[in-house]
Amino acid sequence: MKTSPARTAIAALLGLFFTPIAFAQTVQFNKTFVCNGEHQQVSSCYDDSDGAGCMVLYPDRPLRGGFTVQEVENRGDVIKKIKTCMGASATLASTGHPAPAAARTAPAATAAAAPKANTPPAAPDPSVAKARAAGVDVTALGLQLGQGFNMPECQQSSLADAFGAIFGGNTGPPPVYPCSAGAVAQPATFGMVMEQGVAIAQTACPGWVSPCTFPALVRNGLLQGVYIYTTGQTGDAAVAAALVAKYGKPTQQIPVTFKNLYNYSAQFTKLVWTLPGLYVEYDPFTTSINQGQLLIETETGHQIRTAAMQAQAAAGPKL
């Protein structure tokens, strides 16, 4: 049977209208989407780089301390999750702040590349000598600040390791700690990208630290600072006690107030130590009452971060 040109044209048009068309989906900030069976919401990211910290809310999870669960996650990891759940063309909306040039063009490990064989270790930062002369401890959770950053990459757990841990049997060599974790979620207010993270063993991780992996400032091969997340109000007293026991009386004790959208408020004390060769700052809460932050930096690391924050402020919107 012959088919008339008119029928062929009509069939083509019908096929055009009824063939499914795939549209790229863009998850907007403060808009809920569903992934892995739970509602999620990205409230903000520092910039568009993969290593930028993003605040992600999980309203389906049990409240944490009376508040919606909030986690700081890498933007790159958030986008991977969105693609997995919503399709390869899906992505996260732009912040309007492009990734810094260094983050776009340089490999993640450039700032802390492992030294070549037979290369002498980098000389300690001058801050170390100044701190030691004054009897100031320049270690942080067993890490030597101001010294060469040279540690193995963290091992990636496999499915075989998981089954081995559950059912017994050969699970491969035990992990080595501390280890280099690459770029991890980091504060959005520092004005710079930290390409390195450090993971420490659970046995060496105090109960008030969460998670046991945190961003690190590495410059010219030296570990100049670590930025540790705490458990917020839950561990506040323990953190303060541990810091006073290690560093003595704080240089500054600053009353701070946490207040949320429901008019709940709580009083805390921010602690600062400005010591010879070392700077320590403890913030009892971030955007969540259940997450605080501890900054431990060499004098050089503190100068680097302060300069980056000032540059960020100078480049920001003006009145």
C-alpha atoms as a PDB file:
ATOM      1  CA  MET A   1       0.000   0.000   0.000  1.00  0.00           C
ATOM      2  CA  LYS A   2       1.313   3.398  -0.958  1.00  0.00           C
ATOM      3  CA  THR A   3       1.476   6.164   1.633  1.00  0.00           C
ATOM      4  CA  SER A   4       0.518   9.631   0.566  1.00  0.00           C
ATOM      5  CA  PRO A   5       2.892  12.556   1.241  1.00  0.00           C
ATOM      6  CA  ALA A   6       0.228  14.176   3.437  1.00  0.00           C
ATOM      7  CA  ARG A   7       0.015  11.147   5.733  1.00  0.00           C
ATOM      8  CA  THR A   8       3.798  10.979   5.956  1.00  0.00           C
ATOM      9  CA  ALA A   9       3.985  14.649   6.981  1.00  0.00           C
ATOM     10  CA  ILE A  10       1.267  14.216   9.605  1.00  0.00           C
ATOM     11  CA  ALA A  11       3.025  11.169  11.087  1.00  0.00           C
ATOM     12  CA  ALA A  12       6.293  13.084  11.267  1.00  0.00           C
ATOM     13  CA  LEU A  13       4.618  15.968  13.085  1.00  0.00           C
ATOM     14  CA  LEU A  14       2.936  13.635  15.551  1.00  0.00           C
ATOM     15  CA  GLY A  15       6.275  11.960  16.215  1.00  0.00           C
ATOM     16  CA  LEU A  16       7.831  15.324  16.889  1.00  0.00           C
ATOM     17  CA  PHE A  17       5.212  16.314  19.422  1.00  0.00           C
ATOM     18  CA  PHE A  18       4.992  13.020  21.268  1.00  0.00           C
ATOM     19  CA  THR A  19       8.658  12.010  21.385  1.00  0.00           C
ATOM     20  CA  PRO A  20      10.015  12.599  24.913  1.00  0.00           C
ATOM     21  CA  ILE A  21      12.435  15.527  25.024  1.00  0.00           C
ATOM     22  CA  ALA A  22      15.167  15.625  27.665  1.00  0.00           C
ATOM     23  CA  PHE A  23      15.654  19.032  29.272  1.00  0.00           C
ATOM     24  CA  ALA A  24      18.679  19.962  31.352  1.00  0.00           C
ATOM     25  CA  GLN A  25      17.628  20.573  34.939  1.00  0.00           C
ATOM     26  CA  THR A  26      19.294  23.181  37.109  1.00  0.00           C
ATOM     27  CA  VAL A  27      18.833  22.932  40.863  1.00  0.00           C
ATOM     28  CA  GLN A  28      18.347  26.430  42.241  1.00  0.00           C
ATOM     29  CA  PHE A  29      19.518  27.605  45.647  1.00  0.00           C
ATOM     30  CA  ASN A  30      16.958  27.329  48.457  1.00  0.00           C
ATOM     31  CA  LYS A  31      14.754  25.094  46.264  1.00  0.00           C
ATOM     32  CA  THR A  32      14.028  21.548  47.416  1.00  0.00           C
ATOM     33  CA  PHE A  33      14.934  18.568  45.254  1.00  0.00           C
ATOM     34  CA  VAL A  34      14.709  14.827  45.928  1.00  0.00           C
ATOM     35  CA  CYS A  35      17.777  12.592  45.859  1.00  0.00           C
ATOM     36  CA  ASN A  36      18.300   9.116  47.306  1.00  0.00           C
ATOM     37  CA  GLY A  37      14.745   9.152  48.567  1.00  0.00           C
ATOM     38  CA  GLU A  38      15.068  12.285  50.704  1.00  0.00           C
ATOM     39  CA  HIS A  39      14.409  15.979  50.250  1.00  0.00           C
ATOM     40  CA  GLN A  40      17.497  18.181  50.090  1.00  0.00           C
ATOM     41  CA  GLN A  41      18.162  21.873  49.656  1.00  0.00           C
ATOM     42  CA  VAL A  42      21.354  23.766  48.842  1.00  0.00           C
ATOM     43  CA  SER A  43      21.214  27.117  50.613  1.00  0.00           C
ATOM     44  CA  SER A  44      24.534  28.577  49.443  1.00  0.00           C
ATOM     45  CA  CYS A  45      28.013  27.942  48.027  1.00  0.00           C
ATOM     46  CA  TYR A  46      31.109  30.112  48.283  1.00  0.00           C
ATOM     47  CA  ASP A  47      31.811  30.173  44.534  1.00  0.00           C
ATOM     48  CA  ASP A  48      31.600  27.950  41.435  1.00  0.00           C
ATOM     49  CA  SER A  49      34.779  25.946  42.077  1.00  0.00           C
ATOM     50  CA  ASP A  50      34.488  22.215  42.810  1.00  0.00           C
ATOM     51  CA  GLY A  51      36.218  22.683  46.172  1.00  0.00           C
ATOM     52  CA  ALA A  52      33.922  25.481  47.342  1.00  0.00           C
ATOM     53  CA  GLY A  53      31.965  24.764  50.502  1.00  0.00           C
ATOM     54  CA  CYS A  54      28.180  24.495  50.156  1.00  0.00           C
ATOM     55  CA  MET A  55      25.579  24.398  52.928  1.00  0.00           C
ATOM     56  CA  VAL A  56      23.133  21.528  52.285  1.00  0.00           C
ATOM     57  CA  LEU A  57      19.941  21.069  54.326  1.00  0.00           C
ATOM     58  CA  TYR A  58      18.255  17.693  54.940  1.00  0.00           C
ATOM     59  CA  PRO A  59      14.697  18.396  56.204  1.00  0.00           C
ATOM     60  CA  ASP A  60      13.631  14.711  56.184  1.00  0.00           C
ATOM     61  CA  ARG A  61      16.236  13.666  58.730  1.00  0.00           C
ATOM     62  CA  PRO A  62      15.563  13.742  62.489  1.00  0.00           C
ATOM     63  CA  LEU A  63      16.239  17.187  63.915  1.00  0.00           C
ATOM     64  CA  ARG A  64      19.733  17.736  65.262  1.00  0.00           C
ATOM     65  CA  GLY A  65      19.526  19.664  68.515  1.00  0.00           C
ATOM     66  CA  GLY A  66      16.085  20.892  67.537  1.00  0.00           C
ATOM     67  CA  PHE A  67      17.195  22.197  64.136  1.00  0.00           C
ATOM     68  CA  THR A  68      17.123  21.013  60.526  1.00  0.00           C
ATOM     69  CA  VAL A  69      20.221  18.962  59.723  1.00  0.00           C
ATOM     70  CA  GLN A  70      22.801  21.028  57.833  1.00  0.00           C
ATOM     71  CA  GLU A  71      26.033  19.723  56.320  1.00  0.00           C
ATOM     72  CA  VAL A  72      28.949  21.469  54.623  1.00  0.00           C
ATOM     73  CA  GLU A  73      29.750  19.663  51.362  1.00  0.00           C
ATOM     74  CA  ASN A  74      32.030  20.315  48.388  1.00  0.00           C
ATOM     75  CA  ARG A  75      30.229  21.894  45.424  1.00  0.00           C
ATOM     76  CA  GLY A  76      31.790  19.273  43.147  1.00  0.00           C
ATOM     77  CA  ASP A  77      30.332  16.474  45.287  1.00  0.00           C
ATOM     78  CA  VAL A  78      26.909  18.152  45.347  1.00  0.00           C
ATOM     79  CA  ILE A  79      26.870  18.376  41.541  1.00  0.00           C
ATOM     80  CA  LYS A  80      27.874  14.702  41.217  1.00  0.00           C
ATOM     81  CA  LYS A  81      25.000  13.793  43.516  1.00  0.00           C
ATOM     82  CA  ILE A  82      22.547  15.876  41.485  1.00  0.00           C
ATOM     83  CA  LYS A  83      23.693  14.241  38.240  1.00  0.00           C
ATOM     84  CA  THR A  84      23.348  10.767  39.752  1.00  0.00           C
ATOM     85  CA  CYS A  85      19.808  11.427  40.943  1.00  0.00           C
ATOM     86  CA  MET A  86      18.452  13.714  38.218  1.00  0.00           C
ATOM     87  CA  GLY A  87      20.421  12.817  35.099  1.00  0.00           C
ATOM     88  CA  ALA A  88      23.780  13.543  33.526  1.00  0.00           C
ATOM     89  CA  SER A  89      22.596  16.926  32.185  1.00  0.00           C
ATOM     90  CA  ALA A  90      21.450  18.180  35.598  1.00  0.00           C
ATOM     91  CA  THR A  91      23.600  20.613  37.552  1.00  0.00           C
ATOM     92  CA  LEU A  92      23.595  23.217  40.322  1.00  0.00           C
ATOM     93  CA  ALA A  93      22.902  26.887  39.704  1.00  0.00           C
ATOM     94  CA  SER A  94      25.842  29.266  39.491  1.00  0.00           C
ATOM     95  CA  THR A  95      26.647  31.421  42.501  1.00  0.00           C
ATOM     96  CA  GLY A  96      27.593  34.301  40.233  1.00  0.00           C
ATOM     97  CA  HIS A  97      31.147  34.057  41.565  1.00  0.00           C
ATOM     98  CA  PRO A  98      33.423  32.149  39.127  1.00  0.00           C
ATOM     99  CA  ALA A  99      36.022  29.747  40.435  1.00  0.00           C
ATOM    100  CA  PRO A 100      39.367  31.460  41.177  1.00  0.00           C
ATOM    101  CA  ALA A 101      41.836  31.200  38.295  1.00  0.00           C
ATOM    102  CA  ALA A 102      44.125  28.923  40.305  1.00  0.00           C
ATOM    103  CA  ALA A 103      41.246  26.545  41.003  1.00  0.00           C
ATOM    104  CA  ARG A 104      40.237  26.459  37.299  1.00  0.00           C
ATOM    105  CA  THR A 105      43.672  25.895  35.806  1.00  0.00           C
ATOM    106  CA  ALA A 106      45.856  24.138  38.352  1.00  0.00           C
ATOM    107  CA  PRO A 107      45.607  20.455  39.324  1.00  0.00           C
ATOM    108  CA  ALA A 108      44.206  19.932  42.809  1.00  0.00           C
ATOM    109  CA  ALA A 109      47.446  18.580  44.214  1.00  0.00           C
ATOM    110  CA  THR A 110      49.731  21.331  42.885  1.00  0.00           C
ATOM    111  CA  ALA A 111      49.983  23.279  46.131  1.00  0.00           C
ATOM    112  CA  ALA A 112      51.086  20.241  48.079  1.00  0.00           C
ATOM    113  CA  ALA A 113      52.667  17.961  45.520  1.00  0.00           C
ATOM    114  CA  ALA A 114      54.694  15.147  47.008  1.00  0.00           C
ATOM    115  CA  PRO A 115      58.429  15.872  46.971  1.00  0.00           C
ATOM    116  CA  LYS A 116      60.534  14.050  44.410  1.00  0.00           C
ATOM    117  CA  ALA A 117      62.861  11.264  45.476  1.00  0.00           C
ATOM    118  CA  ASN A 118      66.092  12.445  47.106  1.00  0.00           C
ATOM    119  CA  THR A 119      64.688  15.975  47.443  1.00  0.00           C
ATOM    120  CA  PRO A 120      65.620  17.442  50.829  1.00  0.00           C
ATOM    121  CA  PRO A 121      62.605  18.358  52.996  1.00  0.00           C
ATOM    122  CA  ALA A 122      61.497  21.977  53.015  1.00  0.00           C
ATOM    123  CA  ALA A 123      62.943  24.070  55.842  1.00  0.00           C
ATOM    124  CA  PRO A 124      60.452  24.708  58.676  1.00  0.00           C
ATOM    125  CA  ASP A 125      58.546  27.971  58.622  1.00  0.00           C
ATOM    126  CA  PRO A 126      60.153  30.704  60.790  1.00  0.00           C
ATOM    127  CA  SER A 127      56.993  30.697  62.902  1.00  0.00           C
ATOM    128  CA  VAL A 128      58.046  27.321  64.320  1.00  0.00           C
ATOM    129  CA  ALA A 129      61.289  28.622  65.819  1.00  0.00           C
ATOM    130  CA  LYS A 130      59.467  31.617  67.302  1.00  0.00           C
ATOM    131  CA  ALA A 131      56.808  29.385  68.874  1.00  0.00           C
ATOM    132  CA  ARG A 132      59.270  26.852  70.263  1.00  0.00           C
ATOM    133  CA  ALA A 133      61.429  29.591  71.774  1.00  0.00           C
ATOM    134  CA  ALA A 134      58.352  30.720  73.715  1.00  0.00           C
ATOM    135  CA  GLY A 135      57.346  27.176  74.688  1.00  0.00           C
ATOM    136  CA  VAL A 136      54.268  27.186  72.418  1.00  0.00           C
ATOM    137  CA  ASP A 137      53.041  23.802  71.157  1.00  0.00           C
ATOM    138  CA  VAL A 138      52.808  23.887  67.348  1.00  0.00           C
ATOM    139  CA  THR A 139      51.084  20.507  66.931  1.00  0.00           C
ATOM    140  CA  ALA A 140      47.410  20.053  66.099  1.00  0.00           C
ATOM    141  CA  LEU A 141      45.831  16.607  66.511  1.00  0.00           C
ATOM    142  CA  GLY A 142      49.288  15.089  66.068  1.00  0.00           C
ATOM    143  CA  LEU A 143      50.131  17.167  62.968  1.00  0.00           C
ATOM    144  CA  GLN A 144      53.269  19.318  62.945  1.00  0.00           C
ATOM    145  CA  LEU A 145      52.407  22.833  61.815  1.00  0.00           C
ATOM    146  CA  GLY A 146      55.034  24.777  59.910  1.00  0.00           C
ATOM    147  CA  GLN A 147      56.717  21.557  58.760  1.00  0.00           C
ATOM    148  CA  GLY A 148      56.767  19.823  55.380  1.00  0.00           C
ATOM    149  CA  PHE A 149      53.428  18.423  54.232  1.00  0.00           C
ATOM    150  CA  ASN A 150      54.339  14.906  53.176  1.00  0.00           C
ATOM    151  CA  MET A 151      51.824  12.160  53.856  1.00  0.00           C
ATOM    152  CA  PRO A 152      50.326   9.298  51.823  1.00  0.00           C
ATOM    153  CA  GLU A 153      47.074   9.696  49.952  1.00  0.00           C
ATOM    154  CA  CYS A 154      44.076   8.302  51.789  1.00  0.00           C
ATOM    155  CA  GLN A 155      43.040   4.828  50.638  1.00  0.00           C
ATOM    156  CA  GLN A 156      39.665   4.504  48.957  1.00  0.00           C
ATOM    157  CA  SER A 157      37.492   1.779  50.490  1.00  0.00           C
ATOM    158  CA  SER A 158      36.252  -0.791  47.995  1.00  0.00           C
ATOM    159  CA  LEU A 159      33.138  -2.962  48.003  1.00  0.00           C
ATOM    160  CA  ALA A 160      35.346  -5.935  48.930  1.00  0.00           C
ATOM    161  CA  ASP A 161      36.631  -4.014  51.950  1.00  0.00           C
ATOM    162  CA  ALA A 162      33.080  -3.299  53.067  1.00  0.00           C
ATOM    163  CA  PHE A 163      32.034  -6.958  52.795  1.00  0.00           C
ATOM    164  CA  GLY A 164      35.240  -8.013  54.519  1.00  0.00           C
ATOM    165  CA  ALA A 165      34.574  -5.659  57.408  1.00  0.00           C
ATOM    166  CA  ILE A 166      31.026  -7.047  57.794  1.00  0.00           C
ATOM    167  CA  PHE A 167      31.629 -10.756  57.257  1.00  0.00           C
ATOM    168  CA  GLY A 168      35.317 -11.053  58.102  1.00  0.00           C
ATOM    169  CA  GLY A 169      38.122 -12.129  55.852  1.00  0.00           C
ATOM    170  CA  ASN A 170      40.833 -10.369  53.923  1.00  0.00           C
ATOM    171  CA  THR A 171      40.140  -6.637  53.671  1.00  0.00           C
ATOM    172  CA  GLY A 172      43.518  -5.593  52.306  1.00  0.00           C
ATOM    173  CA  PRO A 173      46.183  -3.566  54.075  1.00  0.00           C
ATOM    174  CA  PRO A 174      44.991  -1.368  56.948  1.00  0.00           C
ATOM    175  CA  PRO A 175      44.638   2.348  56.180  1.00  0.00           C
ATOM    176  CA  VAL A 176      47.527   4.633  57.075  1.00  0.00           C
ATOM    177  CA  TYR A 177      46.849   7.829  59.035  1.00  0.00           C
ATOM    178  CA  PRO A 178      47.217  10.751  58.880  1.00  0.00           C
ATOM    179  CA  CYS A 179      46.673  10.886  55.135  1.00  0.00           C
ATOM    180  CA  SER A 180      46.109  13.442  52.407  1.00  0.00           C
ATOM    181  CA  ALA A 181      42.429  13.586  51.448  1.00  0.00           C
ATOM    182  CA  GLY A 182      42.634  16.097  48.594  1.00  0.00           C
ATOM    183  CA  ALA A 183      40.194  19.008  48.486  1.00  0.00           C
ATOM    184  CA  VAL A 184      37.440  18.760  51.118  1.00  0.00           C
ATOM    185  CA  ALA A 185      34.546  20.976  52.182  1.00  0.00           C
ATOM    186  CA  GLN A 186      35.933  24.252  53.491  1.00  0.00           C
ATOM    187  CA  PRO A 187      34.764  27.604  54.862  1.00  0.00           C
ATOM    188  CA  ALA A 188      33.270  29.991  52.328  1.00  0.00           C
ATOM    189  CA  THR A 189      34.578  33.116  54.071  1.00  0.00           C
ATOM    190  CA  PHE A 190      38.331  32.564  53.813  1.00  0.00           C
ATOM    191  CA  GLY A 191      38.735  34.116  50.369  1.00  0.00           C
ATOM    192  CA  MET A 192      40.935  31.296  49.054  1.00  0.00           C
ATOM    193  CA  VAL A 193      40.765  27.678  47.955  1.00  0.00           C
ATOM    194  CA  MET A 194      42.611  25.101  50.044  1.00  0.00           C
ATOM    195  CA  GLU A 195      43.511  22.196  47.774  1.00  0.00           C
ATOM    196  CA  GLN A 196      44.398  19.805  50.582  1.00  0.00           C
ATOM    197  CA  GLY A 197      42.508  18.006  53.291  1.00  0.00           C
ATOM    198  CA  VAL A 198      43.805  15.789  56.083  1.00  0.00           C
ATOM    199  CA  ALA A 199      42.162  12.685  57.526  1.00  0.00           C
ATOM    200  CA  ILE A 200      43.176  11.377  60.932  1.00  0.00           C
ATOM    201  CA  ALA A 201      42.387   8.044  62.544  1.00  0.00           C
ATOM    202  CA  GLN A 202      39.196   7.757  64.576  1.00  0.00           C
ATOM    203  CA  THR A 203      41.304   6.749  67.570  1.00  0.00           C
ATOM    204  CA  ALA A 204      43.178  10.066  67.337  1.00  0.00           C
ATOM    205  CA  CYS A 205      40.038  12.122  66.765  1.00  0.00           C
ATOM    206  CA  PRO A 206      38.444  13.706  69.876  1.00  0.00           C
ATOM    207  CA  GLY A 207      34.720  13.234  70.330  1.00  0.00           C
ATOM    208  CA  TRP A 208      34.113  16.940  69.771  1.00  0.00           C
ATOM    209  CA  VAL A 209      35.659  16.828  66.259  1.00  0.00           C
ATOM    210  CA  SER A 210      33.304  15.989  63.382  1.00  0.00           C
ATOM    211  CA  PRO A 211      34.258  14.896  60.810  1.00  0.00           C
ATOM    212  CA  CYS A 212      37.796  13.583  61.317  1.00  0.00           C
ATOM    213  CA  THR A 213      38.713  14.972  57.878  1.00  0.00           C
ATOM    214  CA  PHE A 214      39.308  18.704  57.559  1.00  0.00           C
ATOM    215  CA  PRO A 215      40.821  21.312  55.206  1.00  0.00           C
ATOM    216  CA  ALA A 216      44.471  22.300  55.549  1.00  0.00           C
ATOM    217  CA  LEU A 217      46.425  25.328  54.370  1.00  0.00           C
ATOM    218  CA  VAL A 218      49.577  24.187  52.534  1.00  0.00           C
ATOM    219  CA  ARG A 219      51.909  26.728  50.979  1.00  0.00           C
ATOM    220  CA  ASN A 220      55.359  26.106  49.518  1.00  0.00           C
ATOM    221  CA  GLY A 221      55.195  22.532  50.763  1.00  0.00           C
ATOM    222  CA  LEU A 222      54.588  23.522  54.410  1.00  0.00           C
ATOM    223  CA  LEU A 223      51.510  22.849  56.540  1.00  0.00           C
ATOM    224  CA  GLN A 224      50.532  26.330  57.697  1.00  0.00           C
ATOM    225  CA  GLY A 225      47.085  25.745  59.182  1.00  0.00           C
ATOM    226  CA  VAL A 226      44.245  23.332  59.882  1.00  0.00           C
ATOM    227  CA  TYR A 227      40.537  24.194  60.045  1.00  0.00           C
ATOM    228  CA  ILE A 228      38.656  21.703  62.168  1.00  0.00           C
ATOM    229  CA  TYR A 229      34.882  21.398  62.468  1.00  0.00           C
ATOM    230  CA  THR A 230      33.517  20.744  65.949  1.00  0.00           C
ATOM    231  CA  THR A 231      30.171  19.429  67.203  1.00  0.00           C
ATOM    232  CA  GLY A 232      28.963  22.915  68.145  1.00  0.00           C
ATOM    233  CA  GLN A 233      27.013  23.318  71.357  1.00  0.00           C
ATOM    234  CA  THR A 234      27.319  19.604  72.141  1.00  0.00           C
ATOM    235  CA  GLY A 235      31.094  19.731  72.491  1.00  0.00           C
ATOM    236  CA  ASP A 236      31.531  23.408  73.401  1.00  0.00           C
ATOM    237  CA  ALA A 237      32.612  22.877  77.010  1.00  0.00           C
ATOM    238  CA  ALA A 238      35.001  20.061  76.080  1.00  0.00           C
ATOM    239  CA  VAL A 239      36.624  22.092  73.294  1.00  0.00           C
ATOM    240  CA  ALA A 240      37.127  25.129  75.509  1.00  0.00           C
ATOM    241  CA  ALA A 241      38.594  23.014  78.311  1.00  0.00           C
ATOM    242  CA  ALA A 242      41.017  21.235  75.961  1.00  0.00           C
ATOM    243  CA  LEU A 243      42.212  24.511  74.444  1.00  0.00           C
ATOM    244  CA  VAL A 244      42.725  26.258  77.781  1.00  0.00           C
ATOM    245  CA  ALA A 245      44.649  23.230  79.047  1.00  0.00           C
ATOM    246  CA  LYS A 246      46.950  23.392  75.997  1.00  0.00           C
ATOM    247  CA  TYR A 247      47.360  27.128  75.405  1.00  0.00           C
ATOM    248  CA  GLY A 248      46.538  28.718  78.751  1.00  0.00           C
ATOM    249  CA  LYS A 249      44.354  31.771  79.271  1.00  0.00           C
ATOM    250  CA  PRO A 250      42.888  33.107  75.999  1.00  0.00           C
ATOM    251  CA  THR A 251      44.108  36.406  74.599  1.00  0.00           C
ATOM    252  CA  GLN A 252      40.488  37.308  73.891  1.00  0.00           C
ATOM    253  CA  GLN A 253      37.158  36.020  75.219  1.00  0.00           C
ATOM    254  CA  ILE A 254      34.329  37.400  73.096  1.00  0.00           C
ATOM    255  CA  PRO A 255      30.651  36.871  74.030  1.00  0.00           C
ATOM    256  CA  VAL A 256      28.661  35.739  70.972  1.00  0.00           C
ATOM    257  CA  THR A 257      24.968  34.956  70.528  1.00  0.00           C
ATOM    258  CA  PHE A 258      23.463  32.300  68.300  1.00  0.00           C
ATOM    259  CA  LYS A 259      19.962  33.089  67.037  1.00  0.00           C
ATOM    260  CA  ASN A 260      17.918  31.189  64.476  1.00  0.00           C
ATOM    261  CA  LEU A 261      14.825  32.011  62.427  1.00  0.00           C
ATOM    262  CA  TYR A 262      12.588  30.714  65.218  1.00  0.00           C
ATOM    263  CA  ASN A 263      13.990  33.284  67.692  1.00  0.00           C
ATOM    264  CA  TYR A 264      15.823  30.635  69.655  1.00  0.00           C
ATOM    265  CA  SER A 265      19.018  32.118  71.081  1.00  0.00           C
ATOM    266  CA  ALA A 266      21.962  30.818  73.096  1.00  0.00           C
ATOM    267  CA  GLN A 267      25.030  32.517  74.557  1.00  0.00           C
ATOM    268  CA  PHE A 268      28.565  31.283  73.869  1.00  0.00           C
ATOM    269  CA  THR A 269      32.125  32.561  74.154  1.00  0.00           C
ATOM    270  CA  LYS A 270      34.493  32.854  71.207  1.00  0.00           C
ATOM    271  CA  LEU A 271      38.105  32.206  72.240  1.00  0.00           C
ATOM    272  CA  VAL A 272      41.245  33.588  70.597  1.00  0.00           C
ATOM    273  CA  TRP A 273      44.917  32.965  71.331  1.00  0.00           C
ATOM    274  CA  THR A 274      47.514  35.199  69.664  1.00  0.00           C
ATOM    275  CA  LEU A 275      50.759  33.495  70.634  1.00  0.00           C
ATOM    276  CA  PRO A 276      54.370  33.750  69.458  1.00  0.00           C
ATOM    277  CA  GLY A 277      54.400  32.000  66.072  1.00  0.00           C
ATOM    278  CA  LEU A 278      50.857  30.614  66.449  1.00  0.00           C
ATOM    279  CA  TYR A 279      47.254  31.805  66.127  1.00  0.00           C
ATOM    280  CA  VAL A 280      44.290  29.834  67.498  1.00  0.00           C
ATOM    281  CA  GLU A 281      40.622  30.775  67.143  1.00  0.00           C
ATOM    282  CA  TYR A 282      37.617  28.817  68.385  1.00  0.00           C
ATOM    283  CA  ASP A 283      34.173  29.760  67.051  1.00  0.00           C
ATOM    284  CA  PRO A 284      31.473  27.868  69.010  1.00  0.00           C
ATOM    285  CA  PHE A 285      29.030  27.866  66.061  1.00  0.00           C
ATOM    286  CA  THR A 286      28.941  28.543  62.315  1.00  0.00           C
ATOM    287  CA  THR A 287      25.603  28.846  60.510  1.00  0.00           C
ATOM    288  CA  SER A 288      24.404  25.926  62.640  1.00  0.00           C
ATOM    289  CA  ILE A 289      24.414  25.669  66.409  1.00  0.00           C
ATOM    290  CA  ASN A 290      25.517  22.062  65.949  1.00  0.00           C
ATOM    291  CA  GLN A 291      28.727  22.937  64.164  1.00  0.00           C
ATOM    292  CA  GLY A 292      31.616  25.048  65.420  1.00  0.00           C
ATOM    293  CA  GLN A 293      35.064  25.645  63.998  1.00  0.00           C
ATOM    294  CA  LEU A 294      38.603  25.592  65.334  1.00  0.00           C
ATOM    295  CA  LEU A 295      41.383  27.388  63.451  1.00  0.00           C
ATOM    296  CA  ILE A 296      45.005  26.603  64.317  1.00  0.00           C
ATOM    297  CA  GLU A 297      47.574  28.427  62.184  1.00  0.00           C
ATOM    298  CA  THR A 298      51.215  29.339  62.174  1.00  0.00           C
ATOM    299  CA  GLU A 299      51.864  33.057  62.238  1.00  0.00           C
ATOM    300  CA  THR A 300      52.585  32.822  58.499  1.00  0.00           C
ATOM    301  CA  GLY A 301      49.376  30.875  57.837  1.00  0.00           C
ATOM    302  CA  HIS A 302      47.359  33.463  59.751  1.00  0.00           C
ATOM    303  CA  GLN A 303      48.870  36.260  57.658  1.00  0.00           C
ATOM    304  CA  ILE A 304      48.059  34.375  54.430  1.00  0.00           C
ATOM    305  CA  ARG A 305      44.422  33.795  55.401  1.00  0.00           C
ATOM    306  CA  THR A 306      43.928  37.336  56.717  1.00  0.00           C
ATOM    307  CA  ALA A 307      45.294  38.818  53.478  1.00  0.00           C
ATOM    308  CA  ALA A 308      42.981  36.569  51.419  1.00  0.00           C
ATOM    309  CA  MET A 309      39.938  37.596  53.458  1.00  0.00           C
ATOM    310  CA  GLN A 310      40.816  41.279  53.100  1.00  0.00           C
ATOM    311  CA  ALA A 311      41.192  40.866  49.331  1.00  0.00           C
ATOM    312  CA  GLN A 312      37.821  39.093  49.182  1.00  0.00           C
ATOM    313  CA  ALA A 313      36.168  41.928  51.112  1.00  0.00           C
ATOM    314  CA  ALA A 314      37.776  44.552  48.895  1.00  0.00           C
ATOM    315  CA  ALA A 315      36.520  42.791  45.759  1.00  0.00           C
ATOM    316  CA  GLY A 316      32.969  42.400  47.090  1.00  0.00           C
ATOM    317  CA  PRO A 317      29.936  44.582  46.349  1.00  0.00           C
ATOM    318  CA  LYS A 318      30.132  48.151  47.626  1.00  0.00           C
ATOM    319  CA  LEU A 319      27.402  50.468  48.886  1.00  0.00           C
END
